[in-house]
Amino acid sequence: MRELFVLSAGAAKAVVLGLKQAVESEERIVLRTTFGAVGAIREQLEAGAPCDVLILSGKLLDDLAGEGAIDTRVSLGHVSTGIAAPAGNALPAIATGDDLRRTFLAASAVCLPDPQRATAGIHCIAVLRRLEILSAMQTRLRAFPNGAAAMSDLAAAADPDAIGCTQVTEILYTPGVALVGSLPAGFELKTEYSVAVVTRAREPALARRFVARITSDTTLPLRRVGGFEA
């Protein structure tokens, strides 16, 4: 059976998997998916991992387009970075910068994706630095390879005083955690994600149909429920 390989930022995981059954049935293929931090996904692509469709932040796709690595490219929408808490507990206040500072300082742990290769992880560190509490928080930061792993750990730990920081989409699709909200004004981050066909795609025609499907008007409800501002 033919295969279509998708390398994707974790932010788009729910949308991609939401289409998996229909795509496999209608195209009579196997959809092979890999999700992770944007930097890690780019590294896999450059290492030669099988890839027909690539979903990354706009900035990284700009770089890859300049290198001739992608051709067809369409926006999926924007995703905000947010704060998560274990489900079933009172949600902390994050409406202002002062609220956010107090919430971070009161947390027993902060689960976040890779602070060097993940969009939300990099931004979380920048926010802590701007709030002038990075040094105070260092021993409580718990970094994971991607946002999905960070949220899964937050859910499993069931520590009512722990929080998480990652893309809103990753919070929404993880059982056991609740979305507190997007980061407040002055600290917010909205990241555009796009889907592209790679120039070395083994199945370019299938890849283009997948791009057309995932960015079509019919997927708008799926994207919006998943946290995309599309």
Protein backbone atom coordinates (compact mmCIF):
# COMPACT_ATOMS: atom_id res chain seq x y z
CA MET A 1 0.00 0.00 0.00
CA ARG A 2 1.21 3.52 -0.80
CA GLU A 3 2.36 5.71 2.06
CA LEU A 4 2.26 9.45 2.68
CA PHE A 5 4.80 10.75 5.18
CA VAL A 6 3.98 13.83 7.25
CA LEU A 7 6.52 15.54 9.48
CA SER A 8 4.72 18.04 11.67
CA ALA A 9 5.09 20.48 14.51
CA GLY A 10 3.23 19.18 17.54
CA ALA A 11 0.85 22.13 17.38
CA ALA A 12 -0.91 20.56 14.38
CA LYS A 13 -1.14 17.01 15.77
CA ALA A 14 -4.88 17.04 16.51
CA VAL A 15 -5.74 18.43 13.09
CA VAL A 16 -3.57 15.92 11.21
CA LEU A 17 -4.83 12.95 13.21
CA GLY A 18 -8.39 14.22 12.85
CA LEU A 19 -8.05 13.73 9.09
CA LYS A 20 -6.10 10.48 9.19
CA GLN A 21 -8.98 8.00 8.89
CA ALA A 22 -10.69 9.86 6.03
CA VAL A 23 -7.44 10.37 4.12
CA GLU A 24 -6.42 6.72 4.43
CA SER A 25 -9.86 5.51 3.40
CA GLU A 26 -10.38 7.83 0.44
CA GLU A 27 -6.82 7.74 -0.90
CA ARG A 28 -6.25 4.08 -0.02
CA ILE A 29 -2.92 4.88 1.60
CA VAL A 30 -1.21 4.65 4.97
CA LEU A 31 -0.59 8.06 6.55
CA ARG A 32 2.73 7.98 8.41
CA THR A 33 2.99 10.84 10.91
CA THR A 34 5.77 12.19 13.11
CA PHE A 35 5.22 15.09 15.53
CA GLY A 36 7.69 17.11 17.56
CA ALA A 37 9.27 20.45 18.34
CA VAL A 38 9.75 22.55 15.22
CA GLY A 39 13.53 22.48 15.51
CA ALA A 40 13.56 18.71 15.97
CA ILE A 41 11.28 18.21 12.96
CA ARG A 42 13.53 20.35 10.79
CA GLU A 43 16.52 18.31 11.94
CA GLN A 44 14.75 15.09 10.95
CA LEU A 45 13.96 16.50 7.51
CA GLU A 46 17.57 17.57 6.99
CA ALA A 47 18.78 14.17 8.19
CA GLY A 48 16.85 12.54 5.35
CA ALA A 49 13.76 11.24 7.12
CA PRO A 50 10.99 10.25 4.68
CA CYS A 51 8.77 13.27 4.12
CA ASP A 52 6.13 14.31 1.63
CA VAL A 53 4.30 16.94 3.68
CA LEU A 54 5.90 19.29 6.18
CA ILE A 55 4.09 21.39 8.80
CA LEU A 56 6.20 23.99 10.59
CA SER A 57 6.16 27.59 11.75
CA GLY A 58 6.23 30.18 9.01
CA LYS A 59 9.73 31.33 9.94
CA LEU A 60 11.29 27.90 9.52
CA LEU A 61 9.44 27.33 6.26
CA ASP A 62 10.77 30.67 5.01
CA ASP A 63 14.28 29.36 5.64
CA LEU A 64 13.55 26.05 3.92
CA ALA A 65 11.95 27.79 0.95
CA GLY A 66 15.13 29.81 0.54
CA GLU A 67 17.07 26.55 0.42
CA GLY A 68 14.74 25.11 -2.22
CA ALA A 69 13.48 22.38 0.12
CA ILE A 70 9.74 23.09 -0.30
CA ASP A 71 7.39 24.25 -3.02
CA THR A 72 3.60 24.32 -2.45
CA ARG A 73 2.87 26.11 0.83
CA VAL A 74 -0.43 27.15 2.48
CA SER A 75 -1.17 28.67 5.90
CA LEU A 76 -3.04 26.60 8.50
CA GLY A 77 -3.59 29.55 10.81
CA HIS A 78 -2.11 31.07 13.97
CA VAL A 79 -1.69 29.42 17.36
CA SER A 80 -1.24 31.22 20.67
CA THR A 81 1.12 30.19 23.45
CA GLY A 82 -0.77 29.53 26.66
CA ILE A 83 -0.69 28.33 30.24
CA ALA A 84 -2.04 24.94 31.36
CA ALA A 85 -3.00 23.53 34.74
CA PRO A 86 -3.97 20.03 35.88
CA ALA A 87 -7.65 19.42 35.11
CA GLY A 88 -10.08 19.64 38.01
CA ASN A 89 -8.16 22.28 39.94
CA ALA A 90 -8.77 26.00 40.35
CA LEU A 91 -7.20 27.89 37.48
CA PRO A 92 -4.58 30.50 38.39
CA ALA A 93 -4.83 34.13 37.32
CA ILE A 94 -2.83 35.18 34.24
CA ALA A 95 -4.81 38.20 33.01
CA THR A 96 -1.92 40.65 33.48
CA GLY A 97 1.84 40.52 33.62
CA ASP A 98 1.71 40.85 37.41
CA ASP A 99 -0.77 37.96 37.62
CA LEU A 100 1.44 35.86 35.38
CA ARG A 101 4.51 36.62 37.49
CA ARG A 102 2.72 35.58 40.69
CA THR A 103 1.41 32.40 39.08
CA PHE A 104 4.86 31.35 37.90
CA LEU A 105 6.42 32.07 41.31
CA ALA A 106 3.68 30.11 43.09
CA ALA A 107 4.11 27.05 40.85
CA SER A 108 5.83 23.96 42.21
CA ALA A 109 6.93 23.10 38.66
CA VAL A 110 6.60 24.46 35.12
CA CYS A 111 6.38 21.88 32.33
CA LEU A 112 7.51 23.24 28.97
CA PRO A 113 8.76 21.98 25.61
CA ASP A 114 12.41 22.11 24.55
CA PRO A 115 13.61 25.66 25.35
CA GLN A 116 16.05 25.59 22.45
CA ARG A 117 14.11 23.90 19.65
CA ALA A 118 10.39 24.39 20.43
CA THR A 119 8.59 27.65 19.70
CA ALA A 120 6.69 27.74 22.99
CA GLY A 121 9.70 26.61 25.04
CA ILE A 122 11.88 29.38 23.64
CA HIS A 123 9.14 31.92 24.29
CA CYS A 124 8.48 30.71 27.85
CA ILE A 125 12.11 31.31 28.77
CA ALA A 126 11.93 34.77 27.19
CA VAL A 127 8.82 35.57 29.23
CA LEU A 128 10.45 34.46 32.48
CA ARG A 129 13.45 36.61 31.63
CA ARG A 130 11.24 39.64 30.93
CA LEU A 131 9.41 39.08 34.23
CA GLU A 132 12.86 39.00 35.90
CA ILE A 133 12.20 35.63 37.54
CA LEU A 134 14.18 33.24 35.33
CA SER A 135 16.85 32.64 37.99
CA ALA A 136 14.23 32.03 40.66
CA MET A 137 12.41 29.52 38.44
CA GLN A 138 15.39 27.55 37.10
CA THR A 139 15.11 24.64 39.54
CA ARG A 140 11.37 24.29 38.84
CA LEU A 141 11.57 24.18 35.05
CA ARG A 142 10.88 20.74 33.60
CA ALA A 143 11.74 20.64 29.90
CA PHE A 144 10.53 17.92 27.52
CA PRO A 145 11.25 17.16 23.85
CA ASN A 146 7.92 18.69 22.79
CA GLY A 147 4.72 20.23 24.10
CA ALA A 148 2.75 16.99 23.98
CA ALA A 149 5.26 15.27 26.27
CA ALA A 150 5.28 18.26 28.61
CA MET A 151 1.48 18.27 28.90
CA SER A 152 1.30 14.50 29.34
CA ASP A 153 3.72 14.77 32.24
CA LEU A 154 1.74 17.61 33.77
CA ALA A 155 -1.40 15.46 33.58
CA ALA A 156 0.29 12.34 34.96
CA ALA A 157 1.92 14.15 37.88
CA ALA A 158 -1.47 15.43 39.10
CA ASP A 159 0.32 18.10 41.13
CA PRO A 160 -2.25 20.85 41.77
CA ASP A 161 0.51 23.43 42.13
CA ALA A 162 2.27 22.64 38.83
CA ILE A 163 1.55 24.49 35.59
CA GLY A 164 2.59 24.17 31.98
CA CYS A 165 3.45 26.54 29.16
CA THR A 166 3.12 25.50 25.53
CA GLN A 167 1.03 26.05 22.41
CA VAL A 168 -2.72 26.21 23.07
CA THR A 169 -3.36 23.41 20.58
CA GLU A 170 -1.18 21.00 22.56
CA ILE A 171 -2.98 21.88 25.79
CA LEU A 172 -6.41 21.33 24.25
CA TYR A 173 -5.69 17.85 22.90
CA THR A 174 -4.08 16.48 26.07
CA PRO A 175 -6.45 14.70 28.50
CA GLY A 176 -5.92 15.63 32.12
CA VAL A 177 -4.90 19.25 31.61
CA ALA A 178 -6.98 22.40 31.29
CA LEU A 179 -6.29 25.56 29.35
CA VAL A 180 -5.92 28.50 31.72
CA GLY A 181 -5.66 30.91 28.79
CA SER A 182 -3.32 32.53 26.32
CA LEU A 183 -0.46 34.61 27.65
CA PRO A 184 -1.59 38.16 28.52
CA ALA A 185 -1.04 41.30 26.48
CA GLY A 186 2.60 42.28 26.36
CA PHE A 187 3.73 38.67 26.74
CA GLU A 188 1.60 36.97 24.08
CA LEU A 189 2.89 35.01 21.12
CA LYS A 190 0.90 34.02 18.05
CA THR A 191 2.72 31.65 15.72
CA GLU A 192 1.65 31.03 12.15
CA TYR A 193 1.91 27.43 11.01
CA SER A 194 1.90 26.43 7.36
CA VAL A 195 1.81 23.14 5.48
CA ALA A 196 4.12 22.52 2.54
CA VAL A 197 5.01 19.88 -0.01
CA VAL A 198 8.71 19.09 0.08
CA THR A 199 10.60 19.14 -3.20
CA ARG A 200 11.89 15.59 -2.65
CA ALA A 201 8.42 14.18 -1.91
CA ARG A 202 7.99 10.57 -3.02
CA GLU A 203 4.25 11.16 -3.49
CA PRO A 204 3.95 14.79 -4.69
CA ALA A 205 0.43 14.45 -6.10
CA LEU A 206 -0.87 12.84 -2.90
CA ALA A 207 0.96 15.47 -0.89
CA ARG A 208 -0.69 18.33 -2.78
CA ARG A 209 -4.12 16.80 -2.26
CA PHE A 210 -3.40 16.46 1.46
CA VAL A 211 -2.33 20.13 1.64
CA ALA A 212 -5.53 21.16 -0.18
CA ARG A 213 -7.64 19.07 2.22
CA ILE A 214 -6.08 20.20 5.49
CA THR A 215 -6.25 23.90 4.54
CA SER A 216 -9.75 23.79 3.02
CA ASP A 217 -12.86 25.50 4.39
CA THR A 218 -14.22 22.11 5.42
CA THR A 219 -11.45 21.71 8.01
CA LEU A 220 -12.01 25.16 9.57
CA PRO A 221 -14.19 23.75 12.40
CA LEU A 222 -11.57 21.08 13.16
CA ARG A 223 -8.79 23.64 13.20
CA ARG A 224 -10.69 26.13 15.34
CA VAL A 225 -11.79 23.54 17.90
CA GLY A 226 -8.16 22.42 18.05
CA GLY A 227 -6.93 25.91 18.93
CA PHE A 228 -6.02 27.38 15.54
CA GLU A 229 -7.08 30.93 14.80
CA ALA A 230 -7.76 30.17 11.16
